[in-house]
Amino acid sequence: MKIPGLSARLRTRDAARRDGRRRRRHIRERRLGVLAREATAPPAPPCWRAGRGGRLLAVLWGAHFLWFVAGPAVGRNAGNSFGDWIFLGWATLVAMWMTCRTGMWRVCAGRSGVWITRFRTVMFLPWEEISRVDMRRDGLLEFFAGPRQVLAGLYAPARLTRMFGRPDAGQRTADVLTVMARHPHLRPETDPDRRLSGPPFAVWSPLALCALALAALVF
């Protein structure tokens, strides 16, 4: 059954979306061109990491999990099976990963490429594989590296920054990384050392066990 005028409205909406995406790409390409002409190579490898808002959100998330999930679960599972404790430990590790992902993420750019802190390792993406970096609506940076897309970082979404009149730091980071990928002379002269790129999140896994021990003592 066809609804009169529905197909025409859908085609009009799809055309408007395509025009909007084309217009946003054109505006960004102009912005990237201006940035490439005005920018200079940084004297040291730049590193982007979670700001105060991200760290505060991570602390609140960790406290919420400890107080409302881990604590009551420890009290209920005190006499239960070993499998229940295994599941609780797994849930604690997931919560720890989310806490680190929110408040301890790090992206470093060097002469050879980009280092991204992940759970088990620090991922390296060479510049030759990166075509562009986009800022997604959810605040994540999306690296287009050949056939794969790698997610990193966590900024405030663009709508939220516009609502509070704050600069769009995530889009600025994506633009800088895209310009570095396209123009080798705008890349830093050296690569970051291990201290700057940081360890993977798994290094902080013992904190999850400490959280369970603390919950056992408190509750």
Protein backbone atom coordinates (compact mmCIF):
# COMPACT_ATOMS: atom_id res chain seq x y z
CA MET A 1 0.00 0.00 0.00
CA LYS A 2 1.39 3.33 -1.04
CA ILE A 3 0.71 6.46 0.92
CA PRO A 4 0.22 9.46 -1.38
CA GLY A 5 3.15 11.84 -1.19
CA LEU A 6 5.19 9.65 1.20
CA SER A 7 7.81 8.63 -1.37
CA ALA A 8 8.29 12.24 -2.46
CA ARG A 9 8.73 13.37 1.15
CA LEU A 10 11.27 10.62 1.82
CA ARG A 11 13.24 11.55 -1.29
CA THR A 12 13.17 15.20 -0.27
CA ARG A 13 14.39 14.35 3.23
CA ASP A 14 17.20 12.15 1.90
CA ALA A 15 18.27 14.87 -0.51
CA ALA A 16 18.29 17.42 2.31
CA ARG A 17 20.50 15.11 4.41
CA ARG A 18 22.93 14.62 1.54
CA ASP A 19 23.07 18.36 0.96
CA GLY A 20 23.70 18.92 4.67
CA ARG A 21 26.55 16.40 4.76
CA ARG A 22 28.05 17.90 1.59
CA ARG A 23 27.84 21.40 3.06
CA ARG A 24 29.47 20.30 6.33
CA ARG A 25 32.29 18.60 4.43
CA HIS A 26 32.85 21.73 2.37
CA ILE A 27 32.95 23.93 5.48
CA ARG A 28 35.41 21.59 7.15
CA GLU A 29 37.68 21.42 4.12
CA ARG A 30 37.85 25.21 4.09
CA ARG A 31 38.66 25.20 7.81
CA LEU A 32 41.35 22.57 7.31
CA GLY A 33 42.88 24.61 4.50
CA VAL A 34 43.12 27.68 6.71
CA LEU A 35 44.61 25.62 9.55
CA ALA A 36 47.20 24.04 7.24
CA ARG A 37 48.33 27.47 6.01
CA GLU A 38 48.54 29.04 9.46
CA ALA A 39 49.83 26.11 11.53
CA THR A 40 53.45 25.27 12.29
CA ALA A 41 55.03 22.02 13.39
CA PRO A 42 54.86 21.62 17.19
CA PRO A 43 58.25 21.65 18.94
CA ALA A 44 57.32 18.55 20.97
CA PRO A 45 54.90 15.66 20.43
CA PRO A 46 51.41 16.92 21.36
CA CYS A 47 49.31 14.81 23.68
CA TRP A 48 45.56 15.07 24.22
CA ARG A 49 43.96 13.61 27.31
CA ALA A 50 40.84 13.77 29.46
CA GLY A 51 40.06 17.19 30.90
CA ARG A 52 38.64 18.10 34.27
CA GLY A 53 35.10 17.25 33.19
CA GLY A 54 36.12 13.78 32.05
CA ARG A 55 38.08 13.08 35.21
CA LEU A 56 35.18 14.25 37.36
CA LEU A 57 32.79 12.02 35.41
CA ALA A 58 35.16 9.08 35.89
CA VAL A 59 35.32 9.66 39.66
CA LEU A 60 31.53 9.88 39.89
CA TRP A 61 31.10 6.74 37.82
CA GLY A 62 33.60 4.80 39.94
CA ALA A 63 31.99 5.97 43.18
CA HIS A 64 28.54 5.09 41.87
CA PHE A 65 29.65 1.56 40.96
CA LEU A 66 31.40 1.04 44.28
CA TRP A 67 28.53 2.32 46.39
CA PHE A 68 25.46 1.04 44.50
CA VAL A 69 26.78 -2.10 42.72
CA ALA A 70 29.94 -3.56 44.24
CA GLY A 71 29.05 -2.88 47.87
CA PRO A 72 25.56 -4.43 47.87
CA ALA A 73 26.77 -7.31 45.66
CA VAL A 74 29.55 -8.15 48.13
CA GLY A 75 27.02 -8.20 50.93
CA ARG A 76 24.66 -10.49 49.02
CA ASN A 77 27.36 -12.80 47.66
CA ALA A 78 29.23 -13.30 50.93
CA GLY A 79 28.00 -16.89 51.19
CA ASN A 80 27.47 -17.66 47.51
CA SER A 81 29.44 -19.70 45.00
CA PHE A 82 32.83 -19.01 43.51
CA GLY A 83 31.18 -18.33 40.15
CA ASP A 84 29.29 -15.37 41.62
CA TRP A 85 32.56 -13.85 42.74
CA ILE A 86 34.05 -14.43 39.29
CA PHE A 87 31.12 -12.57 37.71
CA LEU A 88 31.45 -9.75 40.23
CA GLY A 89 35.17 -9.48 39.47
CA TRP A 90 34.44 -9.35 35.74
CA ALA A 91 31.83 -6.61 36.27
CA THR A 92 34.34 -4.67 38.35
CA LEU A 93 36.93 -4.89 35.57
CA VAL A 94 34.37 -3.59 33.08
CA ALA A 95 33.53 -0.71 35.38
CA MET A 96 37.23 0.02 35.80
CA TRP A 97 37.66 0.04 32.00
CA MET A 98 34.81 2.52 31.64
CA THR A 99 36.32 4.70 34.36
CA CYS A 100 39.73 4.69 32.64
CA ARG A 101 38.10 5.19 29.23
CA THR A 102 36.35 8.30 30.52
CA GLY A 103 38.99 9.90 32.72
CA MET A 104 42.36 8.49 31.61
CA TRP A 105 42.24 8.32 27.82
CA ARG A 106 45.23 9.64 25.93
CA VAL A 107 46.13 10.31 22.30
CA CYS A 108 49.71 11.32 21.40
CA ALA A 109 51.03 12.36 17.99
CA GLY A 110 54.63 11.97 16.91
CA ARG A 111 56.78 11.98 13.82
CA SER A 112 55.86 8.40 12.90
CA GLY A 113 52.17 8.35 13.77
CA VAL A 114 49.63 8.40 16.59
CA TRP A 115 49.66 6.45 19.87
CA ILE A 116 46.28 5.63 21.41
CA THR A 117 45.95 4.27 24.94
CA ARG A 118 43.70 1.21 25.05
CA PHE A 119 42.91 -1.50 27.59
CA ARG A 120 45.60 -4.09 26.85
CA THR A 121 48.08 -2.06 24.85
CA VAL A 122 48.96 1.34 23.44
CA MET A 123 47.87 1.18 19.79
CA PHE A 124 50.11 2.74 17.15
CA LEU A 125 48.68 4.11 13.90
CA PRO A 126 51.25 5.26 11.32
CA TRP A 127 50.46 8.46 9.47
CA GLU A 128 50.53 6.62 6.15
CA GLU A 129 47.39 4.71 7.15
CA ILE A 130 45.40 7.68 8.48
CA SER A 131 43.28 9.46 5.89
CA ARG A 132 41.34 11.69 8.28
CA VAL A 133 40.08 12.04 11.85
CA ASP A 134 36.47 12.94 12.54
CA MET A 135 34.70 14.11 15.66
CA ARG A 136 31.59 11.99 16.14
CA ARG A 137 28.32 13.21 17.59
CA ASP A 138 28.91 11.20 20.78
CA GLY A 139 32.25 12.96 21.44
CA LEU A 140 34.57 10.18 20.25
CA LEU A 141 37.42 10.71 17.81
CA GLU A 142 37.19 8.39 14.81
CA PHE A 143 40.43 7.58 12.99
CA PHE A 144 39.97 6.39 9.42
CA ALA A 145 43.00 4.13 8.98
CA GLY A 146 42.68 2.11 5.80
CA PRO A 147 39.81 -0.40 6.01
CA ARG A 148 39.32 0.11 9.76
CA GLN A 149 37.95 2.84 11.95
CA VAL A 150 39.57 3.29 15.35
CA LEU A 151 37.79 5.13 18.16
CA ALA A 152 39.69 7.13 20.76
CA GLY A 153 39.29 10.01 23.17
CA LEU A 154 36.06 11.25 24.70
CA TYR A 155 35.10 14.90 24.40
CA ALA A 156 31.91 16.71 25.21
CA PRO A 157 29.52 16.42 22.23
CA ALA A 158 29.37 19.43 19.93
CA ARG A 159 25.75 20.20 20.85
CA LEU A 160 26.67 20.32 24.53
CA THR A 161 29.60 22.68 23.96
CA ARG A 162 27.42 24.99 21.85
CA MET A 163 24.75 24.95 24.56
CA PHE A 164 27.22 26.19 27.18
CA GLY A 165 29.15 28.46 24.82
CA ARG A 166 32.37 26.48 25.17
CA PRO A 167 34.98 25.93 22.44
CA ASP A 168 34.70 22.64 20.59
CA ALA A 169 37.96 21.06 21.73
CA GLY A 170 37.14 17.70 20.15
CA GLN A 171 36.63 19.14 16.67
CA ARG A 172 39.80 21.17 17.04
CA THR A 173 41.74 18.01 17.94
CA ALA A 174 40.27 16.14 14.97
CA ASP A 175 41.22 19.00 12.64
CA VAL A 176 44.81 19.17 13.94
CA LEU A 177 45.29 15.41 13.56
CA THR A 178 43.81 15.46 10.05
CA VAL A 179 46.13 18.27 9.00
CA MET A 180 49.12 16.38 10.42
CA ALA A 181 48.10 13.28 8.47
CA ARG A 182 47.86 15.26 5.22
CA HIS A 183 50.92 17.49 5.63
CA PRO A 184 54.13 15.80 6.88
CA HIS A 185 55.88 19.13 7.48
CA LEU A 186 53.33 19.94 10.20
CA ARG A 187 54.18 16.86 12.26
CA PRO A 188 56.46 16.99 15.33
CA GLU A 189 60.10 16.18 14.83
CA THR A 190 60.23 13.37 17.41
CA ASP A 191 58.07 10.56 18.73
CA PRO A 192 56.65 10.56 22.27
CA ASP A 193 58.41 8.47 24.89
CA ARG A 194 56.66 5.90 27.05
CA ARG A 195 56.16 8.35 29.87
CA LEU A 196 54.20 10.68 27.58
CA SER A 197 52.16 8.05 25.75
CA GLY A 198 51.33 6.34 29.06
CA PRO A 199 50.63 2.69 29.96
CA PRO A 200 47.58 0.67 28.84
CA PHE A 201 44.52 0.64 31.07
CA ALA A 202 45.21 -2.94 32.17
CA VAL A 203 48.04 -1.66 34.34
CA TRP A 204 45.37 -0.29 36.67
CA SER A 205 43.53 -3.63 36.95
CA PRO A 206 44.72 -4.24 40.56
CA LEU A 207 42.64 -1.22 41.51
CA ALA A 208 39.55 -3.28 40.67
CA LEU A 209 40.54 -5.85 43.30
CA CYS A 210 41.21 -3.04 45.75
CA ALA A 211 37.71 -1.72 45.07
CA LEU A 212 36.21 -5.11 45.91
CA ALA A 213 38.29 -5.34 49.07
CA LEU A 214 37.18 -1.85 50.06
CA ALA A 215 33.57 -2.77 49.40
CA ALA A 216 33.97 -5.87 51.57
CA LEU A 217 35.33 -3.78 54.44
CA VAL A 218 32.72 -1.01 54.15
CA PHE A 219 29.67 -3.17 53.57
